[in-house]
């Protein structure tokens, strides 16, 4: 009998790369929230950990367009993504 690994439920994240956000969404039935008390979210969008800007996961999570990733060593598909972004940035 083959046993399937069940991921623990995650409701939100904070400091996450776009690639890892797709994985989190995949593991949580397409649902995830990015919640932060600071504005570092904008650094992540423009590429904090890489020189490339990758905003597809945010756009598709908003519009609920299917996310499909086929890269060497990684294949993921999120059929019905739902992404919530909540920022509670301070004035200073």
PDB file of N, CA and C in Angstrom:
ATOM      1  N   UNK A   1       0.838  -1.178   0.000  1.00  0.00           N
ATOM      2  CA  UNK A   1       0.000   0.000   0.000  1.00  0.00           C
ATOM      3  C   UNK A   1       0.884   1.243   0.000  1.00  0.00           C
ATOM      4  N   UNK A   2       0.630   2.121  -0.946  1.00  0.00           N
ATOM      5  CA  UNK A   2       1.415   3.351  -1.087  1.00  0.00           C
ATOM      6  C   UNK A   2       0.824   4.426  -0.183  1.00  0.00           C
ATOM      7  N   UNK A   3       1.681   5.047   0.605  1.00  0.00           N
ATOM      8  CA  UNK A   3       1.193   6.126   1.476  1.00  0.00           C
ATOM      9  C   UNK A   3       1.579   7.464   0.873  1.00  0.00           C
ATOM     10  N   UNK A   4       0.662   8.418   0.916  1.00  0.00           N
ATOM     11  CA  UNK A   4       0.894   9.737   0.351  1.00  0.00           C
ATOM     12  C   UNK A   4       1.230  10.708   1.479  1.00  0.00           C
ATOM     13  N   UNK A   5       2.281  11.503   1.289  1.00  0.00           N
ATOM     14  CA  UNK A   5       2.690  12.475   2.303  1.00  0.00           C
ATOM     15  C   UNK A   5       1.680  13.610   2.346  1.00  0.00           C
ATOM     16  N   UNK A   6       1.243  13.955   3.535  1.00  0.00           N
ATOM     17  CA  UNK A   6       0.316  15.062   3.729  1.00  0.00           C
ATOM     18  C   UNK A   6       1.087  16.213   4.359  1.00  0.00           C
ATOM     19  N   UNK A   7       1.050  17.370   3.701  1.00  0.00           N
ATOM     20  CA  UNK A   7       1.746  18.544   4.204  1.00  0.00           C
ATOM     21  C   UNK A   7       0.927  19.196   5.310  1.00  0.00           C
ATOM     22  N   UNK A   8       1.599  19.703   6.341  1.00  0.00           N
ATOM     23  CA  UNK A   8       0.846  20.449   7.357  1.00  0.00           C
ATOM     24  C   UNK A   8       0.219  21.701   6.737  1.00  0.00           C
ATOM     25  N   UNK A   9      -0.951  22.072   7.206  1.00  0.00           N
ATOM     26  CA  UNK A   9      -1.646  23.241   6.669  1.00  0.00           C
ATOM     27  C   UNK A   9      -0.893  24.504   7.039  1.00  0.00           C
ATOM     28  N   UNK A  10      -0.692  25.352   6.067  1.00  0.00           N
ATOM     29  CA  UNK A  10      -0.083  26.667   6.275  1.00  0.00           C
ATOM     30  C   UNK A  10      -1.095  27.698   5.840  1.00  0.00           C
ATOM     31  N   UNK A  11      -1.347  28.675   6.683  1.00  0.00           N
ATOM     32  CA  UNK A  11      -2.304  29.715   6.342  1.00  0.00           C
ATOM     33  C   UNK A  11      -1.634  30.955   5.758  1.00  0.00           C
ATOM     34  N   UNK A  12      -0.405  31.240   6.209  1.00  0.00           N
ATOM     35  CA  UNK A  12       0.266  32.437   5.719  1.00  0.00           C
ATOM     36  C   UNK A  12       1.770  32.267   5.794  1.00  0.00           C
ATOM     37  N   UNK A  13       2.451  33.183   5.113  1.00  0.00           N
ATOM     38  CA  UNK A  13       3.902  33.250   5.119  1.00  0.00           C
ATOM     39  C   UNK A  13       4.289  34.723   5.079  1.00  0.00           C
ATOM     40  N   UNK A  14       5.592  34.997   5.167  1.00  0.00           N
ATOM     41  CA  UNK A  14       6.057  36.385   5.159  1.00  0.00           C
ATOM     42  C   UNK A  14       7.205  36.534   4.168  1.00  0.00           C
ATOM     43  N   UNK A  15       8.384  36.132   4.532  1.00  0.00           N
ATOM     44  CA  UNK A  15       9.583  36.277   3.702  1.00  0.00           C
ATOM     45  C   UNK A  15       9.704  35.038   2.815  1.00  0.00           C
ATOM     46  N   UNK A  16       9.211  35.132   1.580  1.00  0.00           N
ATOM     47  CA  UNK A  16       9.149  33.959   0.709  1.00  0.00           C
ATOM     48  C   UNK A  16       9.470  34.368  -0.725  1.00  0.00           C
ATOM     49  N   UNK A  17      10.248  33.545  -1.407  1.00  0.00           N
ATOM     50  CA  UNK A  17      10.540  33.797  -2.814  1.00  0.00           C
ATOM     51  C   UNK A  17       9.306  33.442  -3.649  1.00  0.00           C
ATOM     52  N   UNK A  18       9.180  34.011  -4.841  1.00  0.00           N
ATOM     53  CA  UNK A  18       8.050  33.650  -5.711  1.00  0.00           C
ATOM     54  C   UNK A  18       7.992  32.148  -6.007  1.00  0.00           C
ATOM     55  N   UNK A  19       9.148  31.523  -6.180  1.00  0.00           N
ATOM     56  CA  UNK A  19       9.187  30.087  -6.474  1.00  0.00           C
ATOM     57  C   UNK A  19       8.675  29.265  -5.293  1.00  0.00           C
ATOM     58  N   UNK A  20       9.083  29.623  -4.088  1.00  0.00           N
ATOM     59  CA  UNK A  20       8.622  28.892  -2.911  1.00  0.00           C
ATOM     60  C   UNK A  20       7.151  29.178  -2.625  1.00  0.00           C
ATOM     61  N   UNK A  21       6.691  30.360  -2.971  1.00  0.00           N
ATOM     62  CA  UNK A  21       5.280  30.694  -2.795  1.00  0.00           C
ATOM     63  C   UNK A  21       4.406  29.767  -3.642  1.00  0.00           C
ATOM     64  N   UNK A  22       4.845  29.459  -4.847  1.00  0.00           N
ATOM     65  CA  UNK A  22       4.110  28.521  -5.699  1.00  0.00           C
ATOM     66  C   UNK A  22       4.034  27.156  -5.021  1.00  0.00           C
ATOM     67  N   UNK A  23       5.138  26.697  -4.454  1.00  0.00           N
ATOM     68  CA  UNK A  23       5.158  25.409  -3.760  1.00  0.00           C
ATOM     69  C   UNK A  23       4.217  25.422  -2.562  1.00  0.00           C
ATOM     70  N   UNK A  24       4.228  26.502  -1.793  1.00  0.00           N
ATOM     71  CA  UNK A  24       3.323  26.604  -0.644  1.00  0.00           C
ATOM     72  C   UNK A  24       1.871  26.580  -1.100  1.00  0.00           C
ATOM     73  N   UNK A  25       1.565  27.273  -2.176  1.00  0.00           N
ATOM     74  CA  UNK A  25       0.201  27.276  -2.696  1.00  0.00           C
ATOM     75  C   UNK A  25      -0.200  25.875  -3.152  1.00  0.00           C
ATOM     76  N   UNK A  26       0.700  25.193  -3.834  1.00  0.00           N
ATOM     77  CA  UNK A  26       0.432  23.836  -4.292  1.00  0.00           C
ATOM     78  C   UNK A  26       0.122  22.920  -3.115  1.00  0.00           C
ATOM     79  N   UNK A  27       0.871  23.061  -2.032  1.00  0.00           N
ATOM     80  CA  UNK A  27       0.702  22.204  -0.858  1.00  0.00           C
ATOM     81  C   UNK A  27      -0.511  22.575  -0.007  1.00  0.00           C
ATOM     82  N   UNK A  28      -1.165  23.692  -0.322  1.00  0.00           N
ATOM     83  CA  UNK A  28      -2.307  24.160   0.463  1.00  0.00           C
ATOM     84  C   UNK A  28      -3.534  24.390  -0.410  1.00  0.00           C
ATOM     85  N   UNK A  29      -3.766  23.464  -1.332  1.00  0.00           N
ATOM     86  CA  UNK A  29      -4.949  23.497  -2.205  1.00  0.00           C
ATOM     87  C   UNK A  29      -5.071  24.815  -2.971  1.00  0.00           C
ATOM     88  N   UNK A  30      -3.939  25.427  -3.312  1.00  0.00           N
ATOM     89  CA  UNK A  30      -3.928  26.647  -4.104  1.00  0.00           C
ATOM     90  C   UNK A  30      -4.112  27.918  -3.303  1.00  0.00           C
ATOM     91  N   UNK A  31      -4.225  27.807  -1.982  1.00  0.00           N
ATOM     92  CA  UNK A  31      -4.487  28.981  -1.138  1.00  0.00           C
ATOM     93  C   UNK A  31      -3.263  29.349  -0.318  1.00  0.00           C
ATOM     94  N   UNK A  32      -2.991  30.664  -0.229  1.00  0.00           N
ATOM     95  CA  UNK A  32      -1.911  31.150   0.626  1.00  0.00           C
ATOM     96  C   UNK A  32      -2.099  32.643   0.823  1.00  0.00           C
ATOM     97  N   UNK A  33      -1.587  33.117   1.950  1.00  0.00           N
ATOM     98  CA  UNK A  33      -1.584  34.549   2.240  1.00  0.00           C
ATOM     99  C   UNK A  33      -0.159  34.975   2.554  1.00  0.00           C
ATOM    100  N   UNK A  34       0.219  36.126   2.064  1.00  0.00           N
ATOM    101  CA  UNK A  34       1.487  36.757   2.426  1.00  0.00           C
ATOM    102  C   UNK A  34       1.115  37.931   3.319  1.00  0.00           C
ATOM    103  N   UNK A  35       1.485  37.832   4.587  1.00  0.00           N
ATOM    104  CA  UNK A  35       1.156  38.861   5.569  1.00  0.00           C
ATOM    105  C   UNK A  35       2.442  39.385   6.182  1.00  0.00           C
ATOM    106  N   UNK A  36       2.563  40.691   6.276  1.00  0.00           N
ATOM    107  CA  UNK A  36       3.793  41.265   6.813  1.00  0.00           C
ATOM    108  C   UNK A  36       3.517  42.606   7.482  1.00  0.00           C
ATOM    109  N   UNK A  37       4.264  42.873   8.539  1.00  0.00           N
ATOM    110  CA  UNK A  37       4.176  44.158   9.234  1.00  0.00           C
ATOM    111  C   UNK A  37       5.139  45.177   8.643  1.00  0.00           C
ATOM    112  N   UNK A  38       5.900  44.777   7.638  1.00  0.00           N
ATOM    113  CA  UNK A  38       6.884  45.670   7.014  1.00  0.00           C
ATOM    114  C   UNK A  38       6.722  45.643   5.499  1.00  0.00           C
ATOM    115  N   UNK A  39       7.454  46.477   4.812  1.00  0.00           N
ATOM    116  CA  UNK A  39       7.358  46.591   3.356  1.00  0.00           C
ATOM    117  C   UNK A  39       8.326  45.733   2.585  1.00  0.00           C
ATOM    118  N   UNK A  40       8.972  44.753   3.232  1.00  0.00           N
ATOM    119  CA  UNK A  40       9.921  43.881   2.548  1.00  0.00           C
ATOM    120  C   UNK A  40       9.307  43.102   1.403  1.00  0.00           C
ATOM    121  N   UNK A  41       7.998  42.996   1.398  1.00  0.00           N
ATOM    122  CA  UNK A  41       7.277  42.326   0.320  1.00  0.00           C
ATOM    123  C   UNK A  41       7.653  42.913  -1.040  1.00  0.00           C
ATOM    124  N   UNK A  42       7.819  44.217  -1.099  1.00  0.00           N
ATOM    125  CA  UNK A  42       8.156  44.871  -2.369  1.00  0.00           C
ATOM    126  C   UNK A  42       9.572  44.518  -2.823  1.00  0.00           C
ATOM    127  N   UNK A  43      10.489  44.294  -1.869  1.00  0.00           N
ATOM    128  CA  UNK A  43      11.833  43.817  -2.213  1.00  0.00           C
ATOM    129  C   UNK A  43      11.762  42.423  -2.816  1.00  0.00           C
ATOM    130  N   UNK A  44      10.873  41.580  -2.278  1.00  0.00           N
ATOM    131  CA  UNK A  44      10.726  40.222  -2.808  1.00  0.00           C
ATOM    132  C   UNK A  44      10.211  40.245  -4.238  1.00  0.00           C
ATOM    133  N   UNK A  45       9.252  41.115  -4.505  1.00  0.00           N
ATOM    134  CA  UNK A  45       8.702  41.201  -5.860  1.00  0.00           C
ATOM    135  C   UNK A  45       9.762  41.647  -6.857  1.00  0.00           C
ATOM    136  N   UNK A  46      10.559  42.632  -6.484  1.00  0.00           N
ATOM    137  CA  UNK A  46      11.552  43.125  -7.446  1.00  0.00           C
ATOM    138  C   UNK A  46      12.802  42.259  -7.506  1.00  0.00           C
ATOM    139  N   UNK A  47      12.934  41.277  -6.591  1.00  0.00           N
ATOM    140  CA  UNK A  47      14.044  40.334  -6.669  1.00  0.00           C
ATOM    141  C   UNK A  47      15.074  40.477  -5.571  1.00  0.00           C
ATOM    142  N   UNK A  48      14.690  40.278  -4.336  1.00  0.00           N
ATOM    143  CA  UNK A  48      15.628  40.370  -3.213  1.00  0.00           C
ATOM    144  C   UNK A  48      16.717  39.309  -3.311  1.00  0.00           C
ATOM    145  N   UNK A  49      16.347  38.083  -3.683  1.00  0.00           N
ATOM    146  CA  UNK A  49      17.299  36.981  -3.713  1.00  0.00           C
ATOM    147  C   UNK A  49      17.813  36.682  -5.116  1.00  0.00           C
ATOM    148  N   UNK A  50      17.410  37.478  -6.084  1.00  0.00           N
ATOM    149  CA  UNK A  50      17.873  37.285  -7.454  1.00  0.00           C
ATOM    150  C   UNK A  50      17.778  38.618  -8.169  1.00  0.00           C
ATOM    151  N   UNK A  51      18.452  38.730  -9.276  1.00  0.00           N
ATOM    152  CA  UNK A  51      18.427  39.997 -10.010  1.00  0.00           C
ATOM    153  C   UNK A  51      17.226  40.075 -10.955  1.00  0.00           C
ATOM    154  N   UNK A  52      16.427  39.022 -10.994  1.00  0.00           N
ATOM    155  CA  UNK A  52      15.272  38.977 -11.893  1.00  0.00           C
ATOM    156  C   UNK A  52      13.977  39.289 -11.145  1.00  0.00           C
ATOM    157  N   UNK A  53      13.137  40.052 -11.788  1.00  0.00           N
ATOM    158  CA  UNK A  53      11.808  40.333 -11.249  1.00  0.00           C
ATOM    159  C   UNK A  53      10.854  39.243 -11.727  1.00  0.00           C
ATOM    160  N   UNK A  54      10.122  38.634 -10.778  1.00  0.00           N
ATOM    161  CA  UNK A  54       9.189  37.570 -11.115  1.00  0.00           C
ATOM    162  C   UNK A  54       7.881  37.821 -10.374  1.00  0.00           C
ATOM    163  N   UNK A  55       6.918  38.431 -11.063  1.00  0.00           N
ATOM    164  CA  UNK A  55       5.662  38.772 -10.394  1.00  0.00           C
ATOM    165  C   UNK A  55       4.498  37.894 -10.852  1.00  0.00           C
ATOM    166  N   UNK A  56       4.758  36.893 -11.678  1.00  0.00           N
ATOM    167  CA  UNK A  56       3.686  36.056 -12.215  1.00  0.00           C
ATOM    168  C   UNK A  56       2.832  35.414 -11.129  1.00  0.00           C
ATOM    169  N   UNK A  57       3.444  34.874 -10.091  1.00  0.00           N
ATOM    170  CA  UNK A  57       2.669  34.201  -9.042  1.00  0.00           C
ATOM    171  C   UNK A  57       1.713  35.174  -8.360  1.00  0.00           C
ATOM    172  N   UNK A  58       2.120  36.422  -8.207  1.00  0.00           N
ATOM    173  CA  UNK A  58       1.255  37.422  -7.568  1.00  0.00           C
ATOM    174  C   UNK A  58       0.093  37.797  -8.495  1.00  0.00           C
ATOM    175  N   UNK A  59       0.388  37.979  -9.780  1.00  0.00           N
ATOM    176  CA  UNK A  59      -0.653  38.325 -10.743  1.00  0.00           C
ATOM    177  C   UNK A  59      -1.642  37.176 -10.929  1.00  0.00           C
ATOM    178  N   UNK A  60      -1.122  35.968 -11.071  1.00  0.00           N
ATOM    179  CA  UNK A  60      -1.992  34.810 -11.282  1.00  0.00           C
ATOM    180  C   UNK A  60      -2.757  34.443 -10.011  1.00  0.00           C
ATOM    181  N   UNK A  61      -2.150  34.676  -8.852  1.00  0.00           N
ATOM    182  CA  UNK A  61      -2.850  34.437  -7.599  1.00  0.00           C
ATOM    183  C   UNK A  61      -4.000  35.397  -7.402  1.00  0.00           C
ATOM    184  N   UNK A  62      -3.871  36.605  -7.942  1.00  0.00           N
ATOM    185  CA  UNK A  62      -4.933  37.598  -7.872  1.00  0.00           C
ATOM    186  C   UNK A  62      -6.049  37.284  -8.867  1.00  0.00           C
ATOM    187  N   UNK A  63      -5.652  36.975 -10.102  1.00  0.00           N
ATOM    188  CA  UNK A  63      -6.642  36.748 -11.167  1.00  0.00           C
ATOM    189  C   UNK A  63      -7.148  35.305 -11.208  1.00  0.00           C
ATOM    190  N   UNK A  64      -6.550  34.442 -10.398  1.00  0.00           N
ATOM    191  CA  UNK A  64      -6.900  33.017 -10.313  1.00  0.00           C
ATOM    192  C   UNK A  64      -6.644  32.279 -11.617  1.00  0.00           C
ATOM    193  N   UNK A  65      -5.590  32.698 -12.329  1.00  0.00           N
ATOM    194  CA  UNK A  65      -5.152  31.981 -13.525  1.00  0.00           C
ATOM    195  C   UNK A  65      -4.260  30.823 -13.111  1.00  0.00           C
ATOM    196  N   UNK A  66      -4.367  29.724 -13.815  1.00  0.00           N
ATOM    197  CA  UNK A  66      -3.570  28.538 -13.511  1.00  0.00           C
ATOM    198  C   UNK A  66      -2.073  28.858 -13.522  1.00  0.00           C
ATOM    199  N   UNK A  67      -1.349  28.297 -12.553  1.00  0.00           N
ATOM    200  CA  UNK A  67       0.109  28.441 -12.484  1.00  0.00           C
ATOM    201  C   UNK A  67       0.716  27.101 -12.862  1.00  0.00           C
ATOM    202  N   UNK A  68       1.547  27.093 -13.894  1.00  0.00           N
ATOM    203  CA  UNK A  68       2.223  25.875 -14.324  1.00  0.00           C
ATOM    204  C   UNK A  68       3.714  26.153 -14.431  1.00  0.00           C
ATOM    205  N   UNK A  69       4.506  25.358 -13.727  1.00  0.00           N
ATOM    206  CA  UNK A  69       5.960  25.509 -13.732  1.00  0.00           C
ATOM    207  C   UNK A  69       6.563  24.199 -14.233  1.00  0.00           C
ATOM    208  N   UNK A  70       7.344  24.285 -15.286  1.00  0.00           N
ATOM    209  CA  UNK A  70       8.096  23.143 -15.808  1.00  0.00           C
ATOM    210  C   UNK A  70       9.531  23.582 -15.983  1.00  0.00           C
ATOM    211  N   UNK A  71      10.319  23.309 -14.981  1.00  0.00           N
ATOM    212  CA  UNK A  71      11.747  23.649 -15.027  1.00  0.00           C
ATOM    213  C   UNK A  71      12.544  22.408 -14.696  1.00  0.00           C
ATOM    214  N   UNK A  72      13.801  22.431 -15.049  1.00  0.00           N
ATOM    215  CA  UNK A  72      14.666  21.295 -14.764  1.00  0.00           C
ATOM    216  C   UNK A  72      14.615  20.980 -13.274  1.00  0.00           C
ATOM    217  N   UNK A  73      14.175  19.777 -12.956  1.00  0.00           N
ATOM    218  CA  UNK A  73      14.117  19.342 -11.562  1.00  0.00           C
ATOM    219  C   UNK A  73      12.884  19.806 -10.801  1.00  0.00           C
ATOM    220  N   UNK A  74      11.945  20.471 -11.475  1.00  0.00           N
ATOM    221  CA  UNK A  74      10.781  20.995 -10.758  1.00  0.00           C
ATOM    222  C   UNK A  74       9.596  21.119 -11.711  1.00  0.00           C
ATOM    223  N   UNK A  75       8.520  20.450 -11.376  1.00  0.00           N
ATOM    224  CA  UNK A  75       7.267  20.576 -12.109  1.00  0.00           C
ATOM    225  C   UNK A  75       6.159  20.764 -11.092  1.00  0.00           C
ATOM    226  N   UNK A  76       5.411  21.869 -11.229  1.00  0.00           N
ATOM    227  CA  UNK A  76       4.317  22.158 -10.303  1.00  0.00           C
ATOM    228  C   UNK A  76       3.163  22.775 -11.081  1.00  0.00           C
ATOM    229  N   UNK A  77       1.941  22.460 -10.634  1.00  0.00           N
ATOM    230  CA  UNK A  77       0.752  23.009 -11.285  1.00  0.00           C
ATOM    231  C   UNK A  77      -0.283  23.332 -10.210  1.00  0.00           C
ATOM    232  N   UNK A  78      -0.675  24.595 -10.154  1.00  0.00           N
ATOM    233  CA  UNK A  78      -1.715  25.042  -9.237  1.00  0.00           C
ATOM    234  C   UNK A  78      -2.903  25.438 -10.107  1.00  0.00           C
ATOM    235  N   UNK A  79      -3.962  24.640 -10.050  1.00  0.00           N
ATOM    236  CA  UNK A  79      -5.103  24.836 -10.952  1.00  0.00           C
ATOM    237  C   UNK A  79      -5.935  26.073 -10.627  1.00  0.00           C
ATOM    238  N   UNK A  80      -6.179  26.322  -9.363  1.00  0.00           N
ATOM    239  CA  UNK A  80      -7.091  27.397  -8.967  1.00  0.00           C
ATOM    240  C   UNK A  80      -6.451  28.216  -7.839  1.00  0.00           C
ATOM    241  N   UNK A  81      -5.426  29.020  -8.167  1.00  0.00           N
ATOM    242  CA  UNK A  81      -4.702  29.737  -7.107  1.00  0.00           C
ATOM    243  C   UNK A  81      -5.507  30.901  -6.532  1.00  0.00           C
ATOM    244  N   UNK A  82      -5.368  31.073  -5.234  1.00  0.00           N
ATOM    245  CA  UNK A  82      -5.952  32.216  -4.525  1.00  0.00           C
ATOM    246  C   UNK A  82      -4.872  32.775  -3.610  1.00  0.00           C
ATOM    247  N   UNK A  83      -4.464  34.004  -3.856  1.00  0.00           N
ATOM    248  CA  UNK A  83      -3.415  34.620  -3.057  1.00  0.00           C
ATOM    249  C   UNK A  83      -3.943  35.888  -2.402  1.00  0.00           C
ATOM    250  N   UNK A  84      -3.747  35.981  -1.099  1.00  0.00           N
ATOM    251  CA  UNK A  84      -4.092  37.179  -0.344  1.00  0.00           C
ATOM    252  C   UNK A  84      -2.796  37.833   0.093  1.00  0.00           C
ATOM    253  N   UNK A  85      -2.692  39.150  -0.071  1.00  0.00           N
ATOM    254  CA  UNK A  85      -1.524  39.895   0.384  1.00  0.00           C
ATOM    255  C   UNK A  85      -2.008  40.953   1.351  1.00  0.00           C
ATOM    256  N   UNK A  86      -1.464  40.928   2.562  1.00  0.00           N
ATOM    257  CA  UNK A  86      -1.810  41.927   3.581  1.00  0.00           C
ATOM    258  C   UNK A  86      -0.550  42.558   4.132  1.00  0.00           C
ATOM    259  N   UNK A  87      -0.395  43.853   3.928  1.00  0.00           N
ATOM    260  CA  UNK A  87       0.769  44.575   4.424  1.00  0.00           C
ATOM    261  C   UNK A  87       0.325  45.583   5.456  1.00  0.00           C
ATOM    262  N   UNK A  88       1.024  45.610   6.569  1.00  0.00           N
ATOM    263  CA  UNK A  88       0.703  46.516   7.661  1.00  0.00           C
ATOM    264  C   UNK A  88       1.922  47.386   7.930  1.00  0.00           C
ATOM    265  N   UNK A  89       2.452  47.994   6.865  1.00  0.00           N
ATOM    266  CA  UNK A  89       3.709  48.744   6.942  1.00  0.00           C
ATOM    267  C   UNK A  89       3.564  49.979   7.826  1.00  0.00           C
ATOM    268  N   UNK A  90       4.639  50.262   8.544  1.00  0.00           N
ATOM    269  CA  UNK A  90       4.684  51.416   9.424  1.00  0.00           C
ATOM    270  C   UNK A  90       4.952  52.682   8.596  1.00  0.00           C
ATOM    271  N   UNK A  91       4.616  53.806   9.128  1.00  0.00           N
ATOM    272  CA  UNK A  91       4.820  55.065   8.412  1.00  0.00           C
ATOM    273  C   UNK A  91       6.290  55.402   8.213  1.00  0.00           C
ATOM    274  N   UNK A  92       7.144  55.055   9.155  1.00  0.00           N
ATOM    275  CA  UNK A  92       8.570  55.381   9.042  1.00  0.00           C
ATOM    276  C   UNK A  92       9.393  54.149   8.794  1.00  0.00           C
TER     277      UNK A  92
END
